[in-house]
Amino acid sequence: MSEKKTWDKINQWGEELALLRGIIQKTELVETNKWGGEVYTLNNKNVLGIAGFKNYFTLWFWNGVFLKDEAKVLVNANEGVTKGLRQWRFTLAKDVNEKLVIHYIKEAIINEKAGLSIKPEKKEAMQCDFFKNELKKDRKLNEAFEQFSSYKQKEFWEFIATAKQEKTKITRFEKIKPMLLDGKGLNDKYRKQ
């Protein structure tokens, strides 16, 4: 049986995280373990999580950007990068106001049920003239490439396009050519079958 882990980076917040866990368990959220920590879900959708860091322990909301935050307690943990996630940081257990925490959790649940979420932006696949020309030169290779899902095609495009030198592009192309012809994705060996 696997050991249950918490996001308590330095193991100093055991009692405080247990306090948050106890409050969350009074709601309809389901506790799961994802990425080595406690995440609470509703209909298999991430709603919130708890964690301990060096200087604080935290309750975070996946779509916290939609919370009204009347008490002005939420922060964006990674400004400019994080779009929807918001953290509520605590340094002392006595700072945890159960009634207010429940209020925020209930609002997060209502938002989840309403389907409020930020959808990730779709990035265009990188383009590479070298790769495009190689595919044009070889009809069989191009047909094999077209059989891949757009996601796997994107992986190949980026693998070639991120090479800075022409000789690296050539080396990478020679590496993926047999993979393309065999119908194997660039990262298939790392994916669970």
N, C-alpha and C. Protein backbone atom coordinates (compact mmCIF):
# COMPACT_ATOMS: atom_id res chain seq x y z
N MET A 1 0.84 -1.18 0.00
CA MET A 1 0.00 0.00 0.00
C MET A 1 0.89 1.25 0.00
N SER A 2 0.57 2.22 -0.86
CA SER A 2 1.41 3.39 -0.95
C SER A 2 1.16 4.33 0.23
N GLU A 3 2.23 5.00 0.62
CA GLU A 3 2.15 5.91 1.75
C GLU A 3 1.46 7.20 1.30
N LYS A 4 0.53 7.67 2.12
CA LYS A 4 -0.16 8.92 1.84
C LYS A 4 0.78 10.07 2.14
N LYS A 5 0.89 11.01 1.19
CA LYS A 5 1.79 12.13 1.37
C LYS A 5 1.02 13.43 1.44
N THR A 6 1.63 14.40 2.07
CA THR A 6 1.08 15.75 2.06
C THR A 6 2.14 16.68 1.49
N TRP A 7 1.67 17.80 1.01
CA TRP A 7 2.62 18.81 0.54
C TRP A 7 3.08 19.61 1.74
N ASP A 8 3.88 19.01 2.55
CA ASP A 8 4.47 19.70 3.69
C ASP A 8 5.97 19.59 3.48
N LYS A 9 6.51 20.54 2.79
CA LYS A 9 7.89 20.47 2.31
C LYS A 9 8.93 20.28 3.41
N ILE A 10 8.68 20.81 4.59
CA ILE A 10 9.69 20.66 5.65
C ILE A 10 9.11 20.03 6.91
N ASN A 11 7.94 19.42 6.80
CA ASN A 11 7.33 18.66 7.88
C ASN A 11 7.16 19.43 9.18
N GLN A 12 6.80 20.69 9.10
CA GLN A 12 6.57 21.46 10.32
C GLN A 12 5.11 21.84 10.50
N TRP A 13 4.25 21.47 9.56
CA TRP A 13 2.87 21.94 9.58
C TRP A 13 1.85 20.83 9.80
N GLY A 14 2.25 19.72 10.38
CA GLY A 14 1.34 18.58 10.54
C GLY A 14 0.03 18.92 11.22
N GLU A 15 0.08 19.58 12.36
CA GLU A 15 -1.15 19.93 13.09
C GLU A 15 -2.00 20.95 12.33
N GLU A 16 -1.34 21.90 11.70
CA GLU A 16 -2.06 22.94 10.97
C GLU A 16 -2.77 22.36 9.74
N LEU A 17 -2.08 21.46 9.03
CA LEU A 17 -2.71 20.82 7.86
C LEU A 17 -3.85 19.91 8.31
N ALA A 18 -3.69 19.27 9.46
CA ALA A 18 -4.77 18.44 10.00
C ALA A 18 -5.99 19.30 10.33
N LEU A 19 -5.76 20.51 10.81
CA LEU A 19 -6.85 21.45 11.09
C LEU A 19 -7.60 21.79 9.80
N LEU A 20 -6.87 22.14 8.74
CA LEU A 20 -7.51 22.44 7.45
C LEU A 20 -8.26 21.22 6.91
N ARG A 21 -7.61 20.06 7.01
CA ARG A 21 -8.23 18.81 6.53
C ARG A 21 -9.56 18.57 7.25
N GLY A 22 -9.58 18.78 8.56
CA GLY A 22 -10.80 18.59 9.35
C GLY A 22 -11.92 19.52 8.90
N ILE A 23 -11.57 20.75 8.57
CA ILE A 23 -12.58 21.71 8.09
C ILE A 23 -13.11 21.28 6.73
N ILE A 24 -12.20 20.90 5.83
CA ILE A 24 -12.60 20.50 4.48
C ILE A 24 -13.48 19.26 4.51
N GLN A 25 -13.22 18.36 5.44
CA GLN A 25 -14.01 17.13 5.52
C GLN A 25 -15.45 17.38 5.93
N LYS A 26 -15.77 18.58 6.35
CA LYS A 26 -17.16 18.94 6.69
C LYS A 26 -17.94 19.34 5.44
N THR A 27 -17.27 19.32 4.29
CA THR A 27 -17.92 19.69 3.03
C THR A 27 -18.12 18.44 2.19
N GLU A 28 -18.68 18.61 1.02
CA GLU A 28 -18.93 17.48 0.12
C GLU A 28 -17.72 17.11 -0.74
N LEU A 29 -16.62 17.79 -0.58
CA LEU A 29 -15.43 17.50 -1.39
C LEU A 29 -14.85 16.14 -1.03
N VAL A 30 -14.23 15.52 -2.02
CA VAL A 30 -13.63 14.20 -1.87
C VAL A 30 -12.12 14.35 -1.83
N GLU A 31 -11.49 13.79 -0.81
CA GLU A 31 -10.04 13.86 -0.69
C GLU A 31 -9.38 12.86 -1.61
N THR A 32 -8.39 13.32 -2.36
CA THR A 32 -7.60 12.45 -3.23
C THR A 32 -6.13 12.79 -3.01
N ASN A 33 -5.28 12.00 -3.59
CA ASN A 33 -3.85 12.25 -3.50
C ASN A 33 -3.33 12.39 -4.93
N LYS A 34 -2.91 13.59 -5.27
CA LYS A 34 -2.38 13.85 -6.61
C LYS A 34 -1.06 14.57 -6.47
N TRP A 35 -0.12 14.22 -7.32
CA TRP A 35 1.19 14.87 -7.35
C TRP A 35 1.85 14.84 -5.98
N GLY A 36 1.58 13.81 -5.21
CA GLY A 36 2.20 13.68 -3.91
C GLY A 36 1.60 14.53 -2.81
N GLY A 37 0.38 14.99 -2.99
CA GLY A 37 -0.25 15.82 -1.97
C GLY A 37 -1.75 15.68 -1.95
N GLU A 38 -2.36 16.34 -0.99
CA GLU A 38 -3.81 16.25 -0.81
C GLU A 38 -4.53 17.27 -1.70
N VAL A 39 -5.44 16.74 -2.50
CA VAL A 39 -6.26 17.56 -3.39
C VAL A 39 -7.71 17.16 -3.12
N TYR A 40 -8.59 18.13 -3.13
CA TYR A 40 -10.01 17.87 -2.86
C TYR A 40 -10.80 18.17 -4.13
N THR A 41 -11.64 17.20 -4.49
CA THR A 41 -12.33 17.27 -5.78
C THR A 41 -13.84 17.23 -5.62
N LEU A 42 -14.51 17.62 -6.69
CA LEU A 42 -15.96 17.51 -6.82
C LEU A 42 -16.20 16.97 -8.21
N ASN A 43 -16.83 15.81 -8.29
CA ASN A 43 -17.04 15.14 -9.58
C ASN A 43 -15.74 15.00 -10.36
N ASN A 44 -14.68 14.60 -9.66
CA ASN A 44 -13.35 14.38 -10.23
C ASN A 44 -12.69 15.64 -10.78
N LYS A 45 -13.17 16.80 -10.42
CA LYS A 45 -12.56 18.07 -10.82
C LYS A 45 -11.86 18.66 -9.60
N ASN A 46 -10.63 19.10 -9.78
CA ASN A 46 -9.87 19.69 -8.68
C ASN A 46 -10.52 20.99 -8.23
N VAL A 47 -10.76 21.10 -6.93
CA VAL A 47 -11.35 22.31 -6.37
C VAL A 47 -10.33 23.03 -5.49
N LEU A 48 -9.70 22.29 -4.57
CA LEU A 48 -8.71 22.91 -3.70
C LEU A 48 -7.69 21.90 -3.21
N GLY A 49 -6.65 22.41 -2.60
CA GLY A 49 -5.61 21.56 -2.04
C GLY A 49 -5.03 22.24 -0.81
N ILE A 50 -4.24 21.48 -0.04
CA ILE A 50 -3.56 22.04 1.13
C ILE A 50 -2.08 21.70 1.03
N ALA A 51 -1.24 22.56 1.62
CA ALA A 51 0.19 22.33 1.56
C ALA A 51 0.90 23.10 2.66
N GLY A 52 2.10 22.66 2.99
CA GLY A 52 2.96 23.36 3.92
C GLY A 52 4.27 23.73 3.25
N PHE A 53 4.68 24.96 3.42
CA PHE A 53 5.94 25.43 2.86
C PHE A 53 6.83 25.95 3.98
N LYS A 54 7.94 26.53 3.64
CA LYS A 54 8.90 26.96 4.65
C LYS A 54 8.30 27.96 5.64
N ASN A 55 7.63 28.99 5.13
CA ASN A 55 7.18 30.07 6.00
C ASN A 55 5.67 30.12 6.22
N TYR A 56 4.94 29.21 5.62
CA TYR A 56 3.48 29.24 5.75
C TYR A 56 2.88 27.90 5.34
N PHE A 57 1.65 27.69 5.75
CA PHE A 57 0.85 26.57 5.23
C PHE A 57 -0.30 27.21 4.47
N THR A 58 -0.85 26.48 3.53
CA THR A 58 -1.79 27.12 2.62
C THR A 58 -2.96 26.24 2.22
N LEU A 59 -4.01 26.93 1.89
CA LEU A 59 -5.19 26.33 1.27
C LEU A 59 -5.24 27.01 -0.09
N TRP A 60 -5.27 26.22 -1.16
CA TRP A 60 -5.35 26.90 -2.45
C TRP A 60 -6.54 26.40 -3.24
N PHE A 61 -7.03 27.28 -4.06
CA PHE A 61 -8.22 27.05 -4.86
C PHE A 61 -7.83 27.05 -6.34
N TRP A 62 -8.16 25.94 -7.01
CA TRP A 62 -7.78 25.82 -8.42
C TRP A 62 -8.35 26.96 -9.27
N ASN A 63 -9.58 27.30 -9.03
CA ASN A 63 -10.21 28.39 -9.78
C ASN A 63 -10.53 29.55 -8.84
N GLY A 64 -9.57 29.86 -7.98
CA GLY A 64 -9.74 30.90 -6.99
C GLY A 64 -9.94 32.29 -7.58
N VAL A 65 -9.56 32.48 -8.81
CA VAL A 65 -9.75 33.76 -9.47
C VAL A 65 -11.23 34.14 -9.53
N PHE A 66 -12.12 33.16 -9.47
CA PHE A 66 -13.56 33.41 -9.52
C PHE A 66 -14.18 33.67 -8.15
N LEU A 67 -13.41 33.49 -7.08
CA LEU A 67 -13.93 33.75 -5.73
C LEU A 67 -14.02 35.26 -5.50
N LYS A 68 -15.03 35.69 -4.78
CA LYS A 68 -15.23 37.13 -4.54
C LYS A 68 -14.12 37.69 -3.65
N ASP A 69 -13.57 36.89 -2.76
CA ASP A 69 -12.49 37.27 -1.85
C ASP A 69 -12.81 38.55 -1.08
N GLU A 70 -13.99 38.54 -0.45
CA GLU A 70 -14.42 39.70 0.33
C GLU A 70 -13.46 40.02 1.47
N ALA A 71 -12.82 39.00 2.05
CA ALA A 71 -11.89 39.23 3.17
C ALA A 71 -10.48 39.59 2.68
N LYS A 72 -10.27 39.60 1.39
CA LYS A 72 -8.97 39.97 0.79
C LYS A 72 -7.83 39.12 1.36
N VAL A 73 -8.03 37.78 1.32
CA VAL A 73 -7.03 36.87 1.87
C VAL A 73 -6.29 36.08 0.79
N LEU A 74 -6.74 36.13 -0.45
CA LEU A 74 -6.16 35.30 -1.50
C LEU A 74 -5.02 36.01 -2.23
N VAL A 75 -4.01 35.23 -2.58
CA VAL A 75 -2.88 35.75 -3.36
C VAL A 75 -2.63 34.86 -4.56
N ASN A 76 -2.08 35.45 -5.60
CA ASN A 76 -1.63 34.70 -6.76
C ASN A 76 -0.20 34.26 -6.45
N ALA A 77 0.01 32.97 -6.35
CA ALA A 77 1.31 32.44 -5.91
C ALA A 77 2.41 32.66 -6.93
N ASN A 78 2.05 32.84 -8.19
CA ASN A 78 3.06 32.98 -9.23
C ASN A 78 2.56 34.00 -10.24
N GLU A 79 2.59 35.25 -9.85
CA GLU A 79 2.07 36.35 -10.66
C GLU A 79 2.62 36.31 -12.08
N GLY A 80 1.74 36.48 -13.03
CA GLY A 80 2.15 36.47 -14.44
C GLY A 80 2.16 35.10 -15.07
N VAL A 81 2.15 34.05 -14.24
CA VAL A 81 2.16 32.69 -14.76
C VAL A 81 0.84 31.99 -14.43
N THR A 82 0.48 32.04 -13.16
CA THR A 82 -0.74 31.38 -12.70
C THR A 82 -1.95 32.21 -13.08
N LYS A 83 -2.89 31.60 -13.77
CA LYS A 83 -4.07 32.32 -14.22
C LYS A 83 -5.22 32.20 -13.21
N GLY A 84 -5.60 31.00 -12.83
CA GLY A 84 -6.78 30.79 -12.01
C GLY A 84 -6.52 30.47 -10.56
N LEU A 85 -5.39 29.87 -10.26
CA LEU A 85 -5.10 29.40 -8.92
C LEU A 85 -4.86 30.56 -7.95
N ARG A 86 -5.45 30.43 -6.75
CA ARG A 86 -5.23 31.42 -5.70
C ARG A 86 -4.96 30.71 -4.38
N GLN A 87 -4.05 31.25 -3.59
CA GLN A 87 -3.67 30.68 -2.30
C GLN A 87 -4.18 31.56 -1.16
N TRP A 88 -4.48 30.87 -0.06
CA TRP A 88 -4.78 31.54 1.20
C TRP A 88 -3.70 31.05 2.15
N ARG A 89 -2.80 31.92 2.54
CA ARG A 89 -1.65 31.54 3.34
C ARG A 89 -1.88 31.84 4.82
N PHE A 90 -1.39 30.92 5.64
CA PHE A 90 -1.48 31.06 7.09
C PHE A 90 -0.10 30.82 7.70
N THR A 91 0.18 31.48 8.82
CA THR A 91 1.43 31.23 9.53
C THR A 91 1.19 30.63 10.91
N LEU A 92 -0.05 30.77 11.42
CA LEU A 92 -0.40 30.23 12.73
C LEU A 92 -1.77 29.55 12.65
N ALA A 93 -1.93 28.46 13.37
CA ALA A 93 -3.21 27.75 13.38
C ALA A 93 -4.33 28.65 13.89
N LYS A 94 -4.02 29.54 14.84
CA LYS A 94 -5.06 30.40 15.39
C LYS A 94 -5.59 31.41 14.37
N ASP A 95 -4.86 31.58 13.26
CA ASP A 95 -5.31 32.49 12.20
C ASP A 95 -6.38 31.86 11.30
N VAL A 96 -6.60 30.57 11.45
CA VAL A 96 -7.57 29.86 10.62
C VAL A 96 -8.97 30.09 11.19
N ASN A 97 -9.76 30.87 10.50
CA ASN A 97 -11.14 31.16 10.88
C ASN A 97 -12.02 30.14 10.17
N GLU A 98 -12.46 29.12 10.91
CA GLU A 98 -13.21 28.02 10.30
C GLU A 98 -14.43 28.50 9.53
N LYS A 99 -15.18 29.40 10.11
CA LYS A 99 -16.40 29.89 9.46
C LYS A 99 -16.08 30.55 8.11
N LEU A 100 -15.02 31.35 8.07
CA LEU A 100 -14.63 32.02 6.84
C LEU A 100 -14.07 31.02 5.82
N VAL A 101 -13.28 30.07 6.29
CA VAL A 101 -12.75 29.03 5.40
C VAL A 101 -13.89 28.25 4.75
N ILE A 102 -14.88 27.85 5.56
CA ILE A 102 -16.05 27.13 5.03
C ILE A 102 -16.77 28.00 3.99
N HIS A 103 -16.91 29.29 4.27
CA HIS A 103 -17.56 30.20 3.33
C HIS A 103 -16.84 30.19 1.97
N TYR A 104 -15.52 30.29 1.99
CA TYR A 104 -14.74 30.28 0.74
C TYR A 104 -14.85 28.93 0.03
N ILE A 105 -14.81 27.86 0.80
CA ILE A 105 -14.91 26.52 0.19
C ILE A 105 -16.28 26.34 -0.46
N LYS A 106 -17.34 26.76 0.23
CA LYS A 106 -18.69 26.64 -0.35
C LYS A 106 -18.81 27.45 -1.63
N GLU A 107 -18.23 28.63 -1.64
CA GLU A 107 -18.26 29.44 -2.87
C GLU A 107 -17.49 28.74 -4.00
N ALA A 108 -16.36 28.13 -3.67
CA ALA A 108 -15.58 27.38 -4.66
C ALA A 108 -16.39 26.21 -5.21
N ILE A 109 -17.14 25.54 -4.34
CA ILE A 109 -17.99 24.42 -4.77
C ILE A 109 -19.09 24.92 -5.71
N ILE A 110 -19.72 26.04 -5.35
CA ILE A 110 -20.76 26.63 -6.21
C ILE A 110 -20.17 26.98 -7.58
N ASN A 111 -18.98 27.57 -7.58
CA ASN A 111 -18.33 27.93 -8.84
C ASN A 111 -18.01 26.70 -9.68
N GLU A 112 -17.57 25.63 -9.01
CA GLU A 112 -17.26 24.39 -9.73
C GLU A 112 -18.52 23.81 -10.36
N LYS A 113 -19.60 23.80 -9.59
CA LYS A 113 -20.87 23.28 -10.12
C LYS A 113 -21.37 24.13 -11.28
N ALA A 114 -21.06 25.43 -11.26
CA ALA A 114 -21.46 26.33 -12.34
C ALA A 114 -20.53 26.21 -13.55
N GLY A 115 -19.45 25.46 -13.40
CA GLY A 115 -18.53 25.24 -14.52
C GLY A 115 -17.54 26.38 -14.75
N LEU A 116 -17.37 27.23 -13.75
CA LEU A 116 -16.42 28.34 -13.92
C LEU A 116 -14.99 27.82 -13.87
N SER A 117 -14.26 28.07 -14.92
CA SER A 117 -12.86 27.68 -14.95
C SER A 117 -12.17 28.42 -16.08
N ILE A 118 -10.88 28.52 -15.94
CA ILE A 118 -10.07 29.12 -17.00
C ILE A 118 -9.53 27.98 -17.85
N LYS A 119 -9.85 28.02 -19.11
CA LYS A 119 -9.36 27.00 -20.03
C LYS A 119 -7.95 27.37 -20.46
N PRO A 120 -7.06 26.38 -20.50
CA PRO A 120 -5.69 26.67 -20.94
C PRO A 120 -5.70 27.18 -22.39
N GLU A 121 -4.82 28.13 -22.64
CA GLU A 121 -4.72 28.65 -24.00
C GLU A 121 -4.05 27.62 -24.88
N LYS A 122 -4.62 27.45 -26.07
CA LYS A 122 -4.00 26.53 -27.01
C LYS A 122 -2.85 27.25 -27.70
N LYS A 123 -1.70 26.61 -27.65
CA LYS A 123 -0.54 27.20 -28.31
C LYS A 123 -0.43 26.60 -29.70
N GLU A 124 -0.09 27.44 -30.62
CA GLU A 124 0.17 26.97 -31.98
C GLU A 124 1.46 26.16 -31.97
N ALA A 125 1.47 25.11 -32.78
CA ALA A 125 2.69 24.31 -32.89
C ALA A 125 3.78 25.15 -33.53
N MET A 126 4.99 24.98 -33.04
CA MET A 126 6.12 25.68 -33.64
C MET A 126 6.28 25.20 -35.07
N GLN A 127 6.70 26.08 -35.92
CA GLN A 127 6.95 25.70 -37.30
C GLN A 127 8.45 25.74 -37.56
N CYS A 128 8.86 24.95 -38.51
CA CYS A 128 10.28 24.85 -38.82
C CYS A 128 10.40 24.59 -40.32
N ASP A 129 11.00 25.53 -41.02
CA ASP A 129 11.14 25.38 -42.48
C ASP A 129 11.93 24.12 -42.84
N PHE A 130 12.96 23.83 -42.07
CA PHE A 130 13.77 22.64 -42.34
C PHE A 130 12.89 21.38 -42.32
N PHE A 131 12.11 21.21 -41.26
CA PHE A 131 11.25 20.02 -41.11
C PHE A 131 10.18 19.99 -42.20
N LYS A 132 9.59 21.15 -42.47
CA LYS A 132 8.57 21.25 -43.51
C LYS A 132 9.13 20.79 -44.87
N ASN A 133 10.35 21.25 -45.18
CA ASN A 133 10.99 20.87 -46.45
C ASN A 133 11.31 19.39 -46.51
N GLU A 134 11.75 18.83 -45.40
CA GLU A 134 12.06 17.39 -45.36
C GLU A 134 10.80 16.56 -45.58
N LEU A 135 9.69 16.99 -45.00
CA LEU A 135 8.43 16.28 -45.19
C LEU A 135 7.95 16.40 -46.64
N LYS A 136 8.16 17.56 -47.25
CA LYS A 136 7.76 17.76 -48.65
C LYS A 136 8.56 16.88 -49.59
N LYS A 137 9.83 16.67 -49.27
CA LYS A 137 10.73 15.88 -50.12
C LYS A 137 10.35 14.40 -50.17
N ASP A 138 9.76 13.89 -49.08
CA ASP A 138 9.52 12.45 -48.95
C ASP A 138 8.03 12.21 -48.70
N ARG A 139 7.32 11.79 -49.77
CA ARG A 139 5.87 11.58 -49.69
C ARG A 139 5.52 10.54 -48.63
N LYS A 140 6.27 9.45 -48.59
CA LYS A 140 6.00 8.36 -47.63
C LYS A 140 6.17 8.87 -46.18
N LEU A 141 7.19 9.64 -45.98
CA LEU A 141 7.45 10.19 -44.65
C LEU A 141 6.33 11.17 -44.26
N ASN A 142 5.92 12.00 -45.20
CA ASN A 142 4.85 12.97 -44.95
C ASN A 142 3.55 12.24 -44.61
N GLU A 143 3.23 11.19 -45.34
CA GLU A 143 2.01 10.41 -45.08
C GLU A 143 2.06 9.78 -43.69
N ALA A 144 3.24 9.28 -43.32
CA ALA A 144 3.40 8.68 -41.99
C ALA A 144 3.20 9.75 -40.91
N PHE A 145 3.75 10.93 -41.14
CA PHE A 145 3.61 12.03 -40.19
C PHE A 145 2.14 12.43 -40.04
N GLU A 146 1.41 12.48 -41.12
CA GLU A 146 0.00 12.87 -41.10
C GLU A 146 -0.87 11.88 -40.33
N GLN A 147 -0.40 10.66 -40.11
CA GLN A 147 -1.17 9.65 -39.37
C GLN A 147 -1.17 9.91 -37.86
N PHE A 148 -0.24 10.72 -37.41
CA PHE A 148 -0.15 11.02 -35.98
C PHE A 148 -1.22 12.03 -35.56
N SER A 149 -1.60 11.97 -34.29
CA SER A 149 -2.54 12.96 -33.74
C SER A 149 -1.85 14.32 -33.77
N SER A 150 -2.65 15.38 -33.72
CA SER A 150 -2.07 16.72 -33.76
C SER A 150 -1.14 16.95 -32.57
N TYR A 151 -1.46 16.33 -31.43
CA TYR A 151 -0.62 16.46 -30.24
C TYR A 151 0.77 15.87 -30.50
N LYS A 152 0.80 14.69 -31.10
CA LYS A 152 2.09 14.05 -31.37
C LYS A 152 2.83 14.77 -32.49
N GLN A 153 2.10 15.29 -33.47
CA GLN A 153 2.75 16.09 -34.51
C GLN A 153 3.43 17.30 -33.89
N LYS A 154 2.74 17.93 -32.96
CA LYS A 154 3.28 19.11 -32.29
C LYS A 154 4.59 18.77 -31.57
N GLU A 155 4.64 17.61 -30.94
CA GLU A 155 5.87 17.19 -30.27
C GLU A 155 7.03 17.09 -31.26
N PHE A 156 6.78 16.51 -32.44
CA PHE A 156 7.83 16.41 -33.45
C PHE A 156 8.25 17.80 -33.95
N TRP A 157 7.27 18.67 -34.24
CA TRP A 157 7.57 20.02 -34.70
C TRP A 157 8.48 20.73 -33.70
N GLU A 158 8.11 20.67 -32.43
CA GLU A 158 8.88 21.38 -31.40
C GLU A 158 10.26 20.78 -31.21
N PHE A 159 10.36 19.47 -31.34
CA PHE A 159 11.65 18.80 -31.18
C PHE A 159 12.64 19.32 -32.23
N ILE A 160 12.19 19.47 -33.45
CA ILE A 160 13.06 19.96 -34.52
C ILE A 160 13.24 21.48 -34.41
N ALA A 161 12.15 22.21 -34.21
CA ALA A 161 12.19 23.68 -34.23
C ALA A 161 13.02 24.27 -33.10
N THR A 162 13.14 23.58 -31.97
CA THR A 162 13.89 24.14 -30.84
C THR A 162 15.40 23.97 -30.99
N ALA A 163 15.83 23.23 -31.99
CA ALA A 163 17.27 23.10 -32.24
C ALA A 163 17.78 24.43 -32.78
N LYS A 164 18.86 24.93 -32.21
CA LYS A 164 19.37 26.24 -32.61
C LYS A 164 20.25 26.16 -33.87
N GLN A 165 21.00 25.09 -33.99
CA GLN A 165 21.92 24.96 -35.12
C GLN A 165 21.35 24.01 -36.17
N GLU A 166 21.71 24.30 -37.40
CA GLU A 166 21.24 23.48 -38.52
C GLU A 166 21.69 22.02 -38.36
N LYS A 167 22.93 21.82 -37.92
CA LYS A 167 23.43 20.44 -37.77
C LYS A 167 22.64 19.68 -36.70
N THR A 168 22.17 20.39 -35.67
CA THR A 168 21.35 19.75 -34.63
C THR A 168 19.99 19.37 -35.21
N LYS A 169 19.43 20.22 -36.06
CA LYS A 169 18.16 19.90 -36.72
C LYS A 169 18.31 18.65 -37.57
N ILE A 170 19.41 18.56 -38.28
CA ILE A 170 19.66 17.38 -39.13
C ILE A 170 19.78 16.13 -38.26
N THR A 171 20.54 16.22 -37.18
CA THR A 171 20.72 15.07 -36.28
C THR A 171 19.38 14.64 -35.69
N ARG A 172 18.60 15.62 -35.25
CA ARG A 172 17.29 15.29 -34.67
C ARG A 172 16.37 14.69 -35.72
N PHE A 173 16.41 15.23 -36.91
CA PHE A 173 15.56 14.69 -37.98
C PHE A 173 15.92 13.24 -38.26
N GLU A 174 17.20 12.94 -38.34
CA GLU A 174 17.64 11.56 -38.60
C GLU A 174 17.19 10.63 -37.47
N LYS A 175 17.13 11.15 -36.27
CA LYS A 175 16.68 10.35 -35.12
C LYS A 175 15.19 10.03 -35.23
N ILE A 176 14.38 11.01 -35.63
CA ILE A 176 12.92 10.79 -35.63
C ILE A 176 12.41 10.13 -36.91
N LYS A 177 13.19 10.17 -37.98
CA LYS A 177 12.74 9.61 -39.27
C LYS A 177 12.27 8.15 -39.13
N PRO A 178 13.06 7.26 -38.52
CA PRO A 178 12.57 5.88 -38.36
C PRO A 178 11.34 5.79 -37.45
N MET A 179 11.27 6.67 -36.47
CA MET A 179 10.11 6.67 -35.57
C MET A 179 8.85 7.02 -36.36
N LEU A 180 8.96 8.04 -37.20
CA LEU A 180 7.82 8.44 -38.02
C LEU A 180 7.35 7.29 -38.90
N LEU A 181 8.30 6.65 -39.57
CA LEU A 181 7.96 5.56 -40.49
C LEU A 181 7.38 4.34 -39.76
N ASP A 182 7.79 4.15 -38.49
CA ASP A 182 7.28 3.02 -37.70
C ASP A 182 6.01 3.38 -36.93
N GLY A 183 5.54 4.63 -37.05
CA GLY A 183 4.32 5.04 -36.36
C GLY A 183 4.50 5.22 -34.86
N LYS A 184 5.74 5.50 -34.44
CA LYS A 184 6.02 5.68 -33.01
C LYS A 184 6.16 7.16 -32.72
N GLY A 185 5.44 7.62 -31.71
CA GLY A 185 5.53 9.01 -31.30
C GLY A 185 6.84 9.30 -30.61
N LEU A 186 7.20 10.56 -30.60
CA LEU A 186 8.46 10.99 -30.03
C LEU A 186 8.61 10.57 -28.57
N ASN A 187 7.55 10.65 -27.80
CA ASN A 187 7.61 10.34 -26.37
C ASN A 187 6.81 9.10 -25.98
N ASP A 188 6.49 8.25 -26.94
CA ASP A 188 5.68 7.06 -26.66
C ASP A 188 6.31 6.14 -25.61
N LYS A 189 7.62 6.05 -25.62
CA LYS A 189 8.27 5.13 -24.67
C LYS A 189 8.07 5.57 -23.21
N TYR A 190 7.71 6.84 -23.01
CA TYR A 190 7.49 7.34 -21.66
C TYR A 190 6.02 7.27 -21.23
N ARG A 191 5.15 7.01 -22.18
CA ARG A 191 3.72 6.97 -21.87
C ARG A 191 3.31 5.57 -21.42
N LYS A 192 2.35 5.55 -20.50
CA LYS A 192 1.82 4.25 -20.05
C LYS A 192 0.99 3.66 -21.18
N GLN A 193 1.17 2.41 -21.40
CA GLN A 193 0.43 1.72 -22.47
C GLN A 193 -0.89 1.19 -21.99
